[in-house]
């Protein structure tokens, strides 16, 4: 047993328990980080679903706004677009971006709800698959941040 100031070191169950709690908490934080892009994909998917619902209800302006929100406020602002370009390539990312534009234009041009639903599902599916790939590759949520 080691001694500090002539006092023997002792095993303290409380300290041991505290250490375990800290390690477990650290693991949970890391687990949350490992699904960052999938969380973003769910948010994007929710906005795309809102766009579909608005369009089906005849609220074209709201539908287009929901697509714009999904693209600019979620896909781009979250840096998912940048992460995809870095990890999955510019050509692939461009195809995904193009699908957002196709949905916005389909809504603008009065396409059938079947057509808009098909494009919406394509976006949700592709974004979810890509998010899993980004998380699996360990792409940082702070991709392209200043001072990285």
Protein backbone atom coordinates (compact mmCIF):
# COMPACT_ATOMS: atom_id res chain seq x y z
CA UNK A 1 0.00 0.00 0.00
CA UNK A 2 1.41 3.40 -0.89
CA UNK A 3 1.51 6.22 1.59
CA UNK A 4 1.12 9.94 1.19
CA UNK A 5 2.07 12.02 4.22
CA UNK A 6 2.46 8.76 6.15
CA UNK A 7 -1.25 7.96 5.62
CA UNK A 8 -1.88 4.62 3.93
CA UNK A 9 -3.91 4.75 0.68
CA UNK A 10 -7.17 2.92 1.06
CA UNK A 11 -9.72 1.60 -1.34
CA UNK A 12 -12.74 3.88 -1.31
CA UNK A 13 -15.86 2.25 -2.79
CA UNK A 14 -17.44 5.67 -3.33
CA UNK A 15 -14.50 6.79 -5.46
CA UNK A 16 -14.61 3.53 -7.40
CA UNK A 17 -18.35 3.98 -8.00
CA UNK A 18 -17.83 7.58 -9.09
CA UNK A 19 -15.18 6.46 -11.56
CA UNK A 20 -17.57 3.90 -13.03
CA UNK A 21 -20.31 6.52 -13.37
CA UNK A 22 -17.91 8.89 -15.15
CA UNK A 23 -16.76 6.17 -17.52
CA UNK A 24 -20.34 5.15 -18.29
CA UNK A 25 -21.38 8.77 -18.87
CA UNK A 26 -18.42 9.21 -21.21
CA UNK A 27 -19.54 6.13 -23.14
CA UNK A 28 -23.06 7.53 -23.49
CA UNK A 29 -21.74 10.83 -24.85
CA UNK A 30 -19.65 8.93 -27.40
CA UNK A 31 -22.66 6.79 -28.33
CA UNK A 32 -24.70 9.94 -29.02
CA UNK A 33 -21.91 11.31 -31.22
CA UNK A 34 -21.85 8.08 -33.21
CA UNK A 35 -25.38 8.72 -34.47
CA UNK A 36 -25.07 12.46 -35.12
CA UNK A 37 -25.65 12.25 -38.87
CA UNK A 38 -28.55 9.83 -38.42
CA UNK A 39 -30.22 12.37 -36.12
CA UNK A 40 -29.78 15.04 -38.80
CA UNK A 41 -31.20 12.64 -41.40
CA UNK A 42 -34.30 12.10 -39.23
CA UNK A 43 -34.79 15.87 -38.97
CA UNK A 44 -34.47 16.22 -42.73
CA UNK A 45 -36.87 13.32 -43.22
CA UNK A 46 -39.39 14.94 -40.89
CA UNK A 47 -39.26 18.18 -42.89
CA UNK A 48 -39.69 16.27 -46.15
CA UNK A 49 -42.69 14.47 -44.64
CA UNK A 50 -44.14 17.85 -43.62
CA UNK A 51 -43.67 19.03 -47.20
CA UNK A 52 -45.61 16.01 -48.44
CA UNK A 53 -48.41 16.60 -45.93
CA UNK A 54 -48.68 20.29 -46.81
CA UNK A 55 -48.74 19.50 -50.50
CA UNK A 56 -51.43 16.85 -50.08
CA UNK A 57 -53.48 19.44 -48.16
CA UNK A 58 -53.10 21.95 -51.01
CA UNK A 59 -50.69 24.19 -49.09
CA UNK A 60 -48.14 24.58 -51.87
CA UNK A 61 -46.29 27.52 -50.30
CA UNK A 62 -45.88 25.66 -46.99
CA UNK A 63 -44.78 22.53 -48.84
CA UNK A 64 -42.06 24.40 -50.72
CA UNK A 65 -40.97 26.12 -47.49
CA UNK A 66 -40.58 22.74 -45.79
CA UNK A 67 -38.34 21.49 -48.64
CA UNK A 68 -36.26 24.69 -48.46
CA UNK A 69 -35.95 24.22 -44.69
CA UNK A 70 -34.86 20.59 -45.14
CA UNK A 71 -32.20 21.58 -47.65
CA UNK A 72 -30.80 24.88 -46.38
CA UNK A 73 -31.54 24.83 -42.63
CA UNK A 74 -30.83 21.16 -42.08
CA UNK A 75 -28.80 19.55 -44.87
CA UNK A 76 -26.45 22.47 -45.48
CA UNK A 77 -26.38 24.23 -42.09
CA UNK A 78 -25.67 20.98 -40.24
CA UNK A 79 -22.66 20.48 -42.55
CA UNK A 80 -24.09 17.16 -43.73
CA UNK A 81 -23.57 18.27 -47.31
CA UNK A 82 -19.90 19.01 -46.63
CA UNK A 83 -19.44 15.73 -44.77
CA UNK A 84 -21.00 13.82 -47.67
CA UNK A 85 -18.80 15.57 -50.22
CA UNK A 86 -15.75 14.69 -48.17
CA UNK A 87 -16.69 11.07 -47.47
CA UNK A 88 -19.01 10.01 -50.31
CA UNK A 89 -17.84 12.23 -53.15
CA UNK A 90 -19.07 15.30 -54.98
CA UNK A 91 -20.95 13.41 -57.69
CA UNK A 92 -22.98 11.41 -55.18
CA UNK A 93 -23.72 14.50 -53.09
CA UNK A 94 -24.78 16.41 -56.18
CA UNK A 95 -27.30 13.66 -57.00
CA UNK A 96 -28.78 13.96 -53.51
CA UNK A 97 -28.91 17.77 -53.79
CA UNK A 98 -30.60 17.41 -57.15
CA UNK A 99 -33.39 15.34 -55.57
CA UNK A 100 -34.24 18.23 -53.21
CA UNK A 101 -34.55 20.48 -56.28
CA UNK A 102 -36.68 17.91 -58.08
CA UNK A 103 -39.09 17.79 -55.14
CA UNK A 104 -39.28 21.57 -54.90
CA UNK A 105 -39.93 21.85 -58.65
CA UNK A 106 -42.50 19.03 -58.62
CA UNK A 107 -44.41 20.90 -55.93
CA UNK A 108 -44.07 24.20 -57.81
CA UNK A 109 -45.27 22.63 -61.07
CA UNK A 110 -48.30 20.87 -59.55
CA UNK A 111 -47.08 17.29 -59.90
CA UNK A 112 -49.24 14.47 -58.62
CA UNK A 113 -49.02 13.57 -54.93
CA UNK A 114 -47.82 10.14 -56.07
CA UNK A 115 -44.86 11.72 -57.89
CA UNK A 116 -43.97 14.03 -55.00
CA UNK A 117 -44.27 11.12 -52.54
CA UNK A 118 -41.87 9.08 -54.66
CA UNK A 119 -39.26 11.86 -54.71
CA UNK A 120 -39.74 12.48 -50.98
CA UNK A 121 -39.19 8.80 -50.21
CA UNK A 122 -36.07 8.81 -52.38
CA UNK A 123 -34.67 11.73 -50.36
CA UNK A 124 -35.49 10.15 -46.99
CA UNK A 125 -34.02 6.80 -48.00
CA UNK A 126 -30.81 8.22 -49.50
CA UNK A 127 -30.21 10.63 -46.63
CA UNK A 128 -30.71 7.83 -44.07
CA UNK A 129 -28.28 5.52 -45.89
CA UNK A 130 -25.70 8.27 -46.26
CA UNK A 131 -26.05 9.30 -42.61
CA UNK A 132 -25.29 5.74 -41.51
CA UNK A 133 -22.19 5.77 -43.70
CA UNK A 134 -21.02 9.09 -42.25
CA UNK A 135 -21.56 7.89 -38.68
CA UNK A 136 -19.82 4.58 -39.39
CA UNK A 137 -16.85 6.46 -40.88
CA UNK A 138 -16.65 8.64 -37.78
CA UNK A 139 -17.06 11.90 -39.69
CA UNK A 140 -17.01 14.73 -37.17
CA UNK A 141 -20.11 16.90 -36.75
CA UNK A 142 -17.72 19.87 -36.86
CA UNK A 143 -16.52 19.07 -40.39
CA UNK A 144 -15.07 22.19 -42.01
CA UNK A 145 -15.38 24.26 -38.83
CA UNK A 146 -12.87 27.05 -38.29
CA UNK A 147 -9.92 26.12 -36.03
CA UNK A 148 -10.31 22.39 -36.56
